[in-house]
Amino acid sequence: MDRTLVILKPDAVQRGLVGEVLGRLEKRGLKIAAMKLMQIDQETAHTHYAEHVGKPFFQGLVDFITSGPVVVAIFEGPNAQPIVRTTMGKTNPVDSPPGSIRGDLAVDLGRNVIHGSDSPESAEREIGIFFKSEEILNYTRDVDRWIVE
């Protein structure tokens, strides 16, 4: 089963959008395998955004993701990573279609509510930053047989 990391950014937590966003991903048929509310520290933010070091927007990313509590979660299901990315919408909410999380709930590139891993390799790396293996649950939901053949 595929897994991907999702971060509900400080703007999502501050605006009370956590339930709405998590619900949209669950309604797609994805299962939560791990989740926690946390404050990301500078070191973790630098590790998470390591691919952007040296870019002009790097410090802004770090400052924002560490500015308030976030919810980090692992979602699981067939094609979890592309399903999350499609459900999120494009990085810039202006380019995101209505019906997507960013298309419905965000208007600004810098306050776009959600992060989702952009590839299976990124998902594996990012999950390792935020979760220990013993924090990730394996379980079966009765509804799964109605979602996946």
C-alpha atoms as a PDB file:
ATOM      1  CA  MET A   1       0.000   0.000   0.000  1.00  0.00           C
ATOM      2  CA  ASP A   2       1.305   3.462  -0.890  1.00  0.00           C
ATOM      3  CA  ARG A   3       1.892   6.100   1.768  1.00  0.00           C
ATOM      4  CA  THR A   4       2.405   9.841   1.574  1.00  0.00           C
ATOM      5  CA  LEU A   5       3.049  12.662   4.008  1.00  0.00           C
ATOM      6  CA  VAL A   6       0.600  15.518   4.444  1.00  0.00           C
ATOM      7  CA  ILE A   7       1.216  18.657   6.482  1.00  0.00           C
ATOM      8  CA  LEU A   8      -1.658  20.948   7.366  1.00  0.00           C
ATOM      9  CA  LYS A   9       0.264  24.191   7.591  1.00  0.00           C
ATOM     10  CA  PRO A  10      -0.067  26.829  10.320  1.00  0.00           C
ATOM     11  CA  ASP A  11      -2.701  28.728   8.305  1.00  0.00           C
ATOM     12  CA  ALA A  12      -4.918  25.625   8.157  1.00  0.00           C
ATOM     13  CA  VAL A  13      -4.647  25.106  11.921  1.00  0.00           C
ATOM     14  CA  GLN A  14      -5.204  28.795  12.736  1.00  0.00           C
ATOM     15  CA  ARG A  15      -8.222  29.015  10.407  1.00  0.00           C
ATOM     16  CA  GLY A  16      -9.864  25.891  11.854  1.00  0.00           C
ATOM     17  CA  LEU A  17      -9.614  23.930   8.587  1.00  0.00           C
ATOM     18  CA  VAL A  18      -8.055  20.733   9.980  1.00  0.00           C
ATOM     19  CA  GLY A  19     -11.276  18.685   9.996  1.00  0.00           C
ATOM     20  CA  GLU A  20     -12.327  19.940   6.575  1.00  0.00           C
ATOM     21  CA  VAL A  21      -8.991  19.101   4.939  1.00  0.00           C
ATOM     22  CA  LEU A  22      -8.553  15.723   6.623  1.00  0.00           C
ATOM     23  CA  GLY A  23     -12.154  14.869   5.758  1.00  0.00           C
ATOM     24  CA  ARG A  24     -11.624  15.605   2.080  1.00  0.00           C
ATOM     25  CA  LEU A  25      -8.681  13.203   1.948  1.00  0.00           C
ATOM     26  CA  GLU A  26     -10.565  10.520   3.858  1.00  0.00           C
ATOM     27  CA  LYS A  27     -13.587  10.930   1.570  1.00  0.00           C
ATOM     28  CA  ARG A  28     -11.315  10.155  -1.382  1.00  0.00           C
ATOM     29  CA  GLY A  29     -10.806   6.750   0.240  1.00  0.00           C
ATOM     30  CA  LEU A  30      -7.400   7.301   1.823  1.00  0.00           C
ATOM     31  CA  LYS A  31      -6.714   5.994   5.310  1.00  0.00           C
ATOM     32  CA  ILE A  32      -4.830   7.806   8.070  1.00  0.00           C
ATOM     33  CA  ALA A  33      -1.868   5.656   9.151  1.00  0.00           C
ATOM     34  CA  ALA A  34      -0.361   8.220  11.559  1.00  0.00           C
ATOM     35  CA  MET A  35      -1.118  11.752  12.700  1.00  0.00           C
ATOM     36  CA  LYS A  36       0.034  14.327  15.234  1.00  0.00           C
ATOM     37  CA  LEU A  37      -0.244  17.990  16.127  1.00  0.00           C
ATOM     38  CA  MET A  38       3.181  19.539  16.540  1.00  0.00           C
ATOM     39  CA  GLN A  39       5.304  22.648  16.351  1.00  0.00           C
ATOM     40  CA  ILE A  40       8.042  22.221  13.744  1.00  0.00           C
ATOM     41  CA  ASP A  41      11.413  23.513  14.938  1.00  0.00           C
ATOM     42  CA  GLN A  42      14.037  25.234  12.771  1.00  0.00           C
ATOM     43  CA  GLU A  43      16.201  22.125  12.419  1.00  0.00           C
ATOM     44  CA  THR A  44      13.311  19.946  11.252  1.00  0.00           C
ATOM     45  CA  ALA A  45      12.128  22.668   8.859  1.00  0.00           C
ATOM     46  CA  HIS A  46      15.622  22.921   7.344  1.00  0.00           C
ATOM     47  CA  THR A  47      15.712  19.141   6.901  1.00  0.00           C
ATOM     48  CA  HIS A  48      12.236  19.073   5.367  1.00  0.00           C
ATOM     49  CA  TYR A  49      12.987  21.915   2.920  1.00  0.00           C
ATOM     50  CA  ALA A  50      16.614  20.874   2.226  1.00  0.00           C
ATOM     51  CA  GLU A  51      16.031  20.777  -1.551  1.00  0.00           C
ATOM     52  CA  HIS A  52      15.262  24.513  -1.464  1.00  0.00           C
ATOM     53  CA  VAL A  53      18.377  25.663   0.424  1.00  0.00           C
ATOM     54  CA  GLY A  54      19.905  28.636  -1.381  1.00  0.00           C
ATOM     55  CA  LYS A  55      16.705  29.593  -3.191  1.00  0.00           C
ATOM     56  CA  PRO A  56      15.335  33.080  -2.512  1.00  0.00           C
ATOM     57  CA  PHE A  57      12.133  31.751  -0.926  1.00  0.00           C
ATOM     58  CA  PHE A  58      13.822  29.204   1.400  1.00  0.00           C
ATOM     59  CA  GLN A  59      13.862  31.308   4.576  1.00  0.00           C
ATOM     60  CA  GLY A  60      10.235  32.322   4.029  1.00  0.00           C
ATOM     61  CA  LEU A  61       9.237  28.647   3.874  1.00  0.00           C
ATOM     62  CA  VAL A  62      11.102  27.919   7.095  1.00  0.00           C
ATOM     63  CA  ASP A  63       9.705  30.980   8.875  1.00  0.00           C
ATOM     64  CA  PHE A  64       6.134  30.127   7.920  1.00  0.00           C
ATOM     65  CA  ILE A  65       6.179  26.391   8.692  1.00  0.00           C
ATOM     66  CA  THR A  66       7.659  27.123  12.137  1.00  0.00           C
ATOM     67  CA  SER A  67       5.268  30.017  12.896  1.00  0.00           C
ATOM     68  CA  GLY A  68       2.543  27.929  14.554  1.00  0.00           C
ATOM     69  CA  PRO A  69       1.241  24.427  15.141  1.00  0.00           C
ATOM     70  CA  VAL A  70       0.841  22.054  12.203  1.00  0.00           C
ATOM     71  CA  VAL A  71      -0.823  18.686  11.765  1.00  0.00           C
ATOM     72  CA  VAL A  72       1.379  16.060  10.149  1.00  0.00           C
ATOM     73  CA  ALA A  73      -0.215  12.885   8.864  1.00  0.00           C
ATOM     74  CA  ILE A  74       0.534   9.842   6.805  1.00  0.00           C
ATOM     75  CA  PHE A  75      -2.193   8.865   4.364  1.00  0.00           C
ATOM     76  CA  GLU A  76      -2.291   5.391   2.900  1.00  0.00           C
ATOM     77  CA  GLY A  77      -3.992   3.831  -0.094  1.00  0.00           C
ATOM     78  CA  PRO A  78      -3.412   2.832  -3.698  1.00  0.00           C
ATOM     79  CA  ASN A  79      -1.763   5.773  -5.483  1.00  0.00           C
ATOM     80  CA  ALA A  80      -1.853   7.779  -2.250  1.00  0.00           C
ATOM     81  CA  GLN A  81       0.695  10.361  -3.390  1.00  0.00           C
ATOM     82  CA  PRO A  82      -0.951  11.371  -6.701  1.00  0.00           C
ATOM     83  CA  ILE A  83      -4.423  11.251  -5.128  1.00  0.00           C
ATOM     84  CA  VAL A  84      -3.328  13.676  -2.397  1.00  0.00           C
ATOM     85  CA  ARG A  85      -1.632  15.968  -4.927  1.00  0.00           C
ATOM     86  CA  THR A  86      -4.731  16.086  -7.145  1.00  0.00           C
ATOM     87  CA  THR A  87      -7.031  16.681  -4.176  1.00  0.00           C
ATOM     88  CA  MET A  88      -4.762  19.495  -2.923  1.00  0.00           C
ATOM     89  CA  GLY A  89      -4.695  21.375  -6.211  1.00  0.00           C
ATOM     90  CA  LYS A  90      -1.756  23.279  -7.644  1.00  0.00           C
ATOM     91  CA  THR A  91       0.807  24.977  -5.390  1.00  0.00           C
ATOM     92  CA  ASN A  92      -0.538  28.406  -6.325  1.00  0.00           C
ATOM     93  CA  PRO A  93      -4.209  28.533  -5.270  1.00  0.00           C
ATOM     94  CA  VAL A  94      -4.958  30.916  -8.162  1.00  0.00           C
ATOM     95  CA  ASP A  95      -4.200  28.033 -10.549  1.00  0.00           C
ATOM     96  CA  SER A  96      -6.132  25.432  -8.530  1.00  0.00           C
ATOM     97  CA  PRO A  97      -9.546  24.366  -9.758  1.00  0.00           C
ATOM     98  CA  PRO A  98     -12.669  24.765  -7.635  1.00  0.00           C
ATOM     99  CA  GLY A  99     -13.247  21.547  -5.727  1.00  0.00           C
ATOM    100  CA  SER A 100      -9.586  21.177  -4.803  1.00  0.00           C
ATOM    101  CA  ILE A 101      -8.436  22.029  -1.279  1.00  0.00           C
ATOM    102  CA  ARG A 102      -6.364  25.003  -2.406  1.00  0.00           C
ATOM    103  CA  GLY A 103      -8.933  26.063  -5.009  1.00  0.00           C
ATOM    104  CA  ASP A 104     -11.633  26.254  -2.349  1.00  0.00           C
ATOM    105  CA  LEU A 105      -9.729  27.255   0.786  1.00  0.00           C
ATOM    106  CA  ALA A 106      -6.734  29.388  -0.216  1.00  0.00           C
ATOM    107  CA  VAL A 107      -5.992  32.541  -2.201  1.00  0.00           C
ATOM    108  CA  ASP A 108      -2.265  33.135  -1.620  1.00  0.00           C
ATOM    109  CA  LEU A 109       0.799  31.121  -2.658  1.00  0.00           C
ATOM    110  CA  GLY A 110       2.444  31.708   0.716  1.00  0.00           C
ATOM    111  CA  ARG A 111      -0.647  30.608   2.664  1.00  0.00           C
ATOM    112  CA  ASN A 112      -1.808  27.579   0.704  1.00  0.00           C
ATOM    113  CA  VAL A 113      -3.049  25.412   3.613  1.00  0.00           C
ATOM    114  CA  ILE A 114      -1.435  22.053   2.846  1.00  0.00           C
ATOM    115  CA  HIS A 115       1.762  20.278   1.865  1.00  0.00           C
ATOM    116  CA  GLY A 116       1.808  16.855   0.229  1.00  0.00           C
ATOM    117  CA  SER A 117       4.812  14.822  -0.850  1.00  0.00           C
ATOM    118  CA  ASP A 118       5.492  15.321  -4.561  1.00  0.00           C
ATOM    119  CA  SER A 119       6.822  11.836  -5.348  1.00  0.00           C
ATOM    120  CA  PRO A 120       7.086   8.383  -3.782  1.00  0.00           C
ATOM    121  CA  GLU A 121      10.753   9.109  -2.997  1.00  0.00           C
ATOM    122  CA  SER A 122       9.870  12.398  -1.283  1.00  0.00           C
ATOM    123  CA  ALA A 123       7.086  10.675   0.640  1.00  0.00           C
ATOM    124  CA  GLU A 124       9.493   8.087   2.020  1.00  0.00           C
ATOM    125  CA  ARG A 125      12.053  10.743   2.972  1.00  0.00           C
ATOM    126  CA  GLU A 126       9.498  13.091   4.520  1.00  0.00           C
ATOM    127  CA  ILE A 127       7.724  10.369   6.493  1.00  0.00           C
ATOM    128  CA  GLY A 128      11.109   9.519   8.029  1.00  0.00           C
ATOM    129  CA  ILE A 129      11.571  13.129   9.139  1.00  0.00           C
ATOM    130  CA  PHE A 130       8.297  13.316  11.060  1.00  0.00           C
ATOM    131  CA  PHE A 131       7.486   9.768  12.191  1.00  0.00           C
ATOM    132  CA  LYS A 132       9.220   6.824  13.835  1.00  0.00           C
ATOM    133  CA  SER A 133       8.227   3.452  12.399  1.00  0.00           C
ATOM    134  CA  GLU A 134       6.424   2.483  15.623  1.00  0.00           C
ATOM    135  CA  GLU A 135       4.135   5.521  15.253  1.00  0.00           C
ATOM    136  CA  ILE A 136       2.728   4.243  11.938  1.00  0.00           C
ATOM    137  CA  LEU A 137      -0.256   1.927  12.275  1.00  0.00           C
ATOM    138  CA  ASN A 138      -1.247  -0.962  10.042  1.00  0.00           C
ATOM    139  CA  TYR A 139      -4.935  -1.736  10.279  1.00  0.00           C
ATOM    140  CA  THR A 140      -7.890  -2.697   8.135  1.00  0.00           C
ATOM    141  CA  ARG A 141     -11.076  -0.706   7.832  1.00  0.00           C
ATOM    142  CA  ASP A 142     -14.299  -2.513   6.987  1.00  0.00           C
ATOM    143  CA  VAL A 143     -15.061   0.148   4.360  1.00  0.00           C
ATOM    144  CA  ASP A 144     -11.849  -0.578   2.419  1.00  0.00           C
ATOM    145  CA  ARG A 145     -13.501  -3.381   0.453  1.00  0.00           C
ATOM    146  CA  TRP A 146     -15.949  -0.783  -0.905  1.00  0.00           C
ATOM    147  CA  ILE A 147     -13.121   1.525  -2.014  1.00  0.00           C
ATOM    148  CA  VAL A 148     -10.580  -0.828  -3.627  1.00  0.00           C
ATOM    149  CA  GLU A 149     -11.140  -4.053  -5.564  1.00  0.00           C
END
